[in-house]
Amino acid sequence: MHNDKGTNTMRRIAILQTRETFDCSSSQSLLSGMARLGRRGIPVGCLGGGCGVCKIRVRSGDVEKLGPISRAHVTADEEAEGYTLACRVAPRADIEIEVAGLFKKPFFKGCAPEVPPVSGSLTDTQRGD
């Protein structure tokens, strides 16, 4: 992660599971950009990094932290694997993300079927949940 504050560059964000893309300013959170997709039911939670509702995994690209993230929702090990909260990071490059955790069900409601995860992990349906 690096800091290029003072610039306001539009970045292309790709959601791997739905193959959707959207533009997000380098000066705004990913959650703000996602909200502009116009999908009903995207949970916004507390907007301060404390509830964990907007958990995502950055698969490629670079993000900058906008503030602290609760370790109750993203552990240090998860953060090292690319997990973060969409409300607490801004894009510093074009990025690819996976929607994770509690965010998945409402985010995909009414959306095209989920593309198999890039990581090769089993989906809830494949596990029999």
C-alpha atoms as a PDB file:
ATOM      1  CA  MET A   1       0.000   0.000   0.000  1.00  0.00           C
ATOM      2  CA  HIS A   2       1.274   3.443  -0.781  1.00  0.00           C
ATOM      3  CA  ASN A   3       0.112   6.989  -0.429  1.00  0.00           C
ATOM      4  CA  ASP A   4      -0.618   9.381  -3.295  1.00  0.00           C
ATOM      5  CA  LYS A   5      -2.962  11.723  -1.431  1.00  0.00           C
ATOM      6  CA  GLY A   6      -3.691  14.966  -3.164  1.00  0.00           C
ATOM      7  CA  THR A   7      -4.549  13.274  -6.446  1.00  0.00           C
ATOM      8  CA  ASN A   8      -8.035  12.316  -7.532  1.00  0.00           C
ATOM      9  CA  THR A   9      -7.641   9.634 -10.169  1.00  0.00           C
ATOM     10  CA  MET A  10     -10.429   7.333 -11.310  1.00  0.00           C
ATOM     11  CA  ARG A  11      -9.589   3.660 -10.958  1.00  0.00           C
ATOM     12  CA  ARG A  12     -11.313   0.639 -12.527  1.00  0.00           C
ATOM     13  CA  ILE A  13     -12.603  -1.859  -9.955  1.00  0.00           C
ATOM     14  CA  ALA A  14     -13.580  -5.391 -11.010  1.00  0.00           C
ATOM     15  CA  ILE A  15     -15.754  -7.655  -8.848  1.00  0.00           C
ATOM     16  CA  LEU A  16     -14.538 -11.123  -9.736  1.00  0.00           C
ATOM     17  CA  GLN A  17     -17.640 -13.090  -8.713  1.00  0.00           C
ATOM     18  CA  THR A  18     -20.064 -11.061 -10.853  1.00  0.00           C
ATOM     19  CA  ARG A  19     -17.630  -9.787 -13.501  1.00  0.00           C
ATOM     20  CA  GLU A  20     -18.983  -6.282 -12.923  1.00  0.00           C
ATOM     21  CA  THR A  21     -16.708  -3.272 -13.102  1.00  0.00           C
ATOM     22  CA  PHE A  22     -17.102   0.238 -11.784  1.00  0.00           C
ATOM     23  CA  ASP A  23     -15.012   3.365 -11.510  1.00  0.00           C
ATOM     24  CA  CYS A  24     -13.964   4.652  -8.123  1.00  0.00           C
ATOM     25  CA  SER A  25     -12.035   7.798  -7.327  1.00  0.00           C
ATOM     26  CA  SER A  26      -8.737   7.366  -5.522  1.00  0.00           C
ATOM     27  CA  SER A  27     -10.099   9.832  -2.960  1.00  0.00           C
ATOM     28  CA  GLN A  28     -13.195   7.779  -2.007  1.00  0.00           C
ATOM     29  CA  SER A  29     -13.781   4.443  -0.340  1.00  0.00           C
ATOM     30  CA  LEU A  30     -14.475   1.342  -2.384  1.00  0.00           C
ATOM     31  CA  LEU A  31     -17.836   1.067  -0.609  1.00  0.00           C
ATOM     32  CA  SER A  32     -18.864   4.478  -1.950  1.00  0.00           C
ATOM     33  CA  GLY A  33     -17.983   3.362  -5.458  1.00  0.00           C
ATOM     34  CA  MET A  34     -19.834   0.060  -5.039  1.00  0.00           C
ATOM     35  CA  ALA A  35     -22.948   1.911  -3.881  1.00  0.00           C
ATOM     36  CA  ARG A  36     -23.009   3.714  -7.229  1.00  0.00           C
ATOM     37  CA  LEU A  37     -23.688   0.375  -8.955  1.00  0.00           C
ATOM     38  CA  GLY A  38     -27.289   1.024  -7.928  1.00  0.00           C
ATOM     39  CA  ARG A  39     -27.850  -2.444  -6.507  1.00  0.00           C
ATOM     40  CA  ARG A  40     -30.468  -2.533  -3.781  1.00  0.00           C
ATOM     41  CA  GLY A  41     -29.493  -4.236  -0.564  1.00  0.00           C
ATOM     42  CA  ILE A  42     -25.796  -3.417  -0.445  1.00  0.00           C
ATOM     43  CA  PRO A  43     -25.254  -3.182   3.309  1.00  0.00           C
ATOM     44  CA  VAL A  44     -23.395  -0.106   4.446  1.00  0.00           C
ATOM     45  CA  GLY A  45     -23.195  -0.825   8.172  1.00  0.00           C
ATOM     46  CA  CYS A  46     -21.384   1.683  10.317  1.00  0.00           C
ATOM     47  CA  LEU A  47     -19.139   3.207   7.585  1.00  0.00           C
ATOM     48  CA  GLY A  48     -16.355   3.360  10.160  1.00  0.00           C
ATOM     49  CA  GLY A  49     -14.666  -0.039   9.975  1.00  0.00           C
ATOM     50  CA  GLY A  50     -16.260  -1.395  13.137  1.00  0.00           C
ATOM     51  CA  CYS A  51     -19.062  -3.677  11.938  1.00  0.00           C
ATOM     52  CA  GLY A  52     -17.330  -5.802   9.298  1.00  0.00           C
ATOM     53  CA  VAL A  53     -20.337  -5.944   6.971  1.00  0.00           C
ATOM     54  CA  CYS A  54     -18.422  -4.712   3.896  1.00  0.00           C
ATOM     55  CA  LYS A  55     -15.589  -7.260   4.011  1.00  0.00           C
ATOM     56  CA  ILE A  56     -13.801  -7.833   0.716  1.00  0.00           C
ATOM     57  CA  ARG A  57     -10.609  -9.451  -0.517  1.00  0.00           C
ATOM     58  CA  VAL A  58      -8.296  -7.511  -2.825  1.00  0.00           C
ATOM     59  CA  ARG A  59      -7.016 -10.078  -5.334  1.00  0.00           C
ATOM     60  CA  SER A  60      -4.854  -7.707  -7.383  1.00  0.00           C
ATOM     61  CA  GLY A  61      -3.980  -4.033  -7.363  1.00  0.00           C
ATOM     62  CA  ASP A  62      -3.142  -1.529  -4.673  1.00  0.00           C
ATOM     63  CA  VAL A  63      -5.321   0.121  -2.004  1.00  0.00           C
ATOM     64  CA  GLU A  64      -4.687   2.698   0.703  1.00  0.00           C
ATOM     65  CA  LYS A  65      -6.166   2.525   4.188  1.00  0.00           C
ATOM     66  CA  LEU A  66      -8.482   5.395   5.040  1.00  0.00           C
ATOM     67  CA  GLY A  67      -8.608   4.539   8.724  1.00  0.00           C
ATOM     68  CA  PRO A  68      -8.401   1.715  11.243  1.00  0.00           C
ATOM     69  CA  ILE A  69     -10.085  -1.642  10.690  1.00  0.00           C
ATOM     70  CA  SER A  70     -11.503  -3.662  13.569  1.00  0.00           C
ATOM     71  CA  ARG A  71      -9.418  -6.789  14.207  1.00  0.00           C
ATOM     72  CA  ALA A  72     -12.659  -8.464  15.270  1.00  0.00           C
ATOM     73  CA  HIS A  73     -13.614  -8.489  11.575  1.00  0.00           C
ATOM     74  CA  VAL A  74     -10.287  -8.601   9.722  1.00  0.00           C
ATOM     75  CA  THR A  75      -7.429 -10.331  11.519  1.00  0.00           C
ATOM     76  CA  ALA A  76      -3.802  -9.472  10.823  1.00  0.00           C
ATOM     77  CA  ASP A  77      -3.450 -12.802   8.997  1.00  0.00           C
ATOM     78  CA  GLU A  78      -6.502 -12.052   6.840  1.00  0.00           C
ATOM     79  CA  GLU A  79      -5.197  -8.577   6.087  1.00  0.00           C
ATOM     80  CA  ALA A  80      -1.918 -10.128   4.920  1.00  0.00           C
ATOM     81  CA  GLU A  81      -4.022 -12.293   2.551  1.00  0.00           C
ATOM     82  CA  GLY A  82      -5.722  -9.211   1.070  1.00  0.00           C
ATOM     83  CA  TYR A  83      -8.882  -9.010   3.186  1.00  0.00           C
ATOM     84  CA  THR A  84     -10.073  -5.568   4.231  1.00  0.00           C
ATOM     85  CA  LEU A  85     -13.253  -3.525   4.643  1.00  0.00           C
ATOM     86  CA  ALA A  86     -14.540  -1.657   1.597  1.00  0.00           C
ATOM     87  CA  CYS A  87     -15.482   1.350   3.735  1.00  0.00           C
ATOM     88  CA  ARG A  88     -11.888   1.791   4.942  1.00  0.00           C
ATOM     89  CA  VAL A  89      -9.810   1.615   1.749  1.00  0.00           C
ATOM     90  CA  ALA A  90      -9.453   3.644  -1.439  1.00  0.00           C
ATOM     91  CA  PRO A  91      -8.013   2.376  -4.733  1.00  0.00           C
ATOM     92  CA  ARG A  92      -4.492   3.427  -5.680  1.00  0.00           C
ATOM     93  CA  ALA A  93      -4.538   1.392  -8.890  1.00  0.00           C
ATOM     94  CA  ASP A  94      -7.022  -0.620 -10.894  1.00  0.00           C
ATOM     95  CA  ILE A  95      -7.986  -3.528  -8.653  1.00  0.00           C
ATOM     96  CA  GLU A  96      -9.816  -6.847  -8.624  1.00  0.00           C
ATOM     97  CA  ILE A  97     -11.854  -7.755  -5.557  1.00  0.00           C
ATOM     98  CA  GLU A  98     -13.948 -10.578  -4.180  1.00  0.00           C
ATOM     99  CA  VAL A  99     -16.938  -9.795  -2.000  1.00  0.00           C
ATOM    100  CA  ALA A 100     -16.583 -11.767   1.266  1.00  0.00           C
ATOM    101  CA  GLY A 101     -18.308 -12.583   4.536  1.00  0.00           C
ATOM    102  CA  LEU A 102     -21.679 -11.086   5.459  1.00  0.00           C
ATOM    103  CA  PHE A 103     -21.467  -8.827   2.403  1.00  0.00           C
ATOM    104  CA  LYS A 104     -21.899 -11.706  -0.073  1.00  0.00           C
ATOM    105  CA  LYS A 105     -25.566 -12.633   0.324  1.00  0.00           C
ATOM    106  CA  PRO A 106     -27.103  -9.147   0.038  1.00  0.00           C
ATOM    107  CA  PHE A 107     -24.598  -8.075  -2.607  1.00  0.00           C
ATOM    108  CA  PHE A 108     -25.458 -10.958  -4.928  1.00  0.00           C
ATOM    109  CA  LYS A 109     -29.226 -10.864  -4.349  1.00  0.00           C
ATOM    110  CA  GLY A 110     -30.896 -10.439  -7.734  1.00  0.00           C
ATOM    111  CA  CYS A 111     -27.562 -10.652  -9.526  1.00  0.00           C
ATOM    112  CA  ALA A 112     -26.301 -13.121 -12.102  1.00  0.00           C
ATOM    113  CA  PRO A 113     -25.099 -16.412 -10.625  1.00  0.00           C
ATOM    114  CA  GLU A 114     -21.796 -16.234  -8.841  1.00  0.00           C
ATOM    115  CA  VAL A 115     -18.724 -17.123 -10.881  1.00  0.00           C
ATOM    116  CA  PRO A 116     -16.628 -19.788  -9.115  1.00  0.00           C
ATOM    117  CA  PRO A 117     -14.129 -18.132  -6.751  1.00  0.00           C
ATOM    118  CA  VAL A 118     -10.670 -17.478  -8.127  1.00  0.00           C
ATOM    119  CA  SER A 119      -9.094 -18.897  -4.987  1.00  0.00           C
ATOM    120  CA  GLY A 120     -10.571 -22.319  -5.694  1.00  0.00           C
ATOM    121  CA  SER A 121     -12.392 -22.437  -2.359  1.00  0.00           C
ATOM    122  CA  LEU A 122     -15.805 -24.037  -2.161  1.00  0.00           C
ATOM    123  CA  THR A 123     -18.908 -21.883  -2.255  1.00  0.00           C
ATOM    124  CA  ASP A 124     -21.614 -22.299   0.403  1.00  0.00           C
ATOM    125  CA  THR A 125     -23.684 -24.349  -2.052  1.00  0.00           C
ATOM    126  CA  GLN A 126     -20.797 -26.665  -2.880  1.00  0.00           C
ATOM    127  CA  ARG A 127     -20.167 -27.238   0.851  1.00  0.00           C
ATOM    128  CA  GLY A 128     -23.836 -28.032   1.385  1.00  0.00           C
ATOM    129  CA  ASP A 129     -24.527 -25.005   3.621  1.00  0.00           C
END
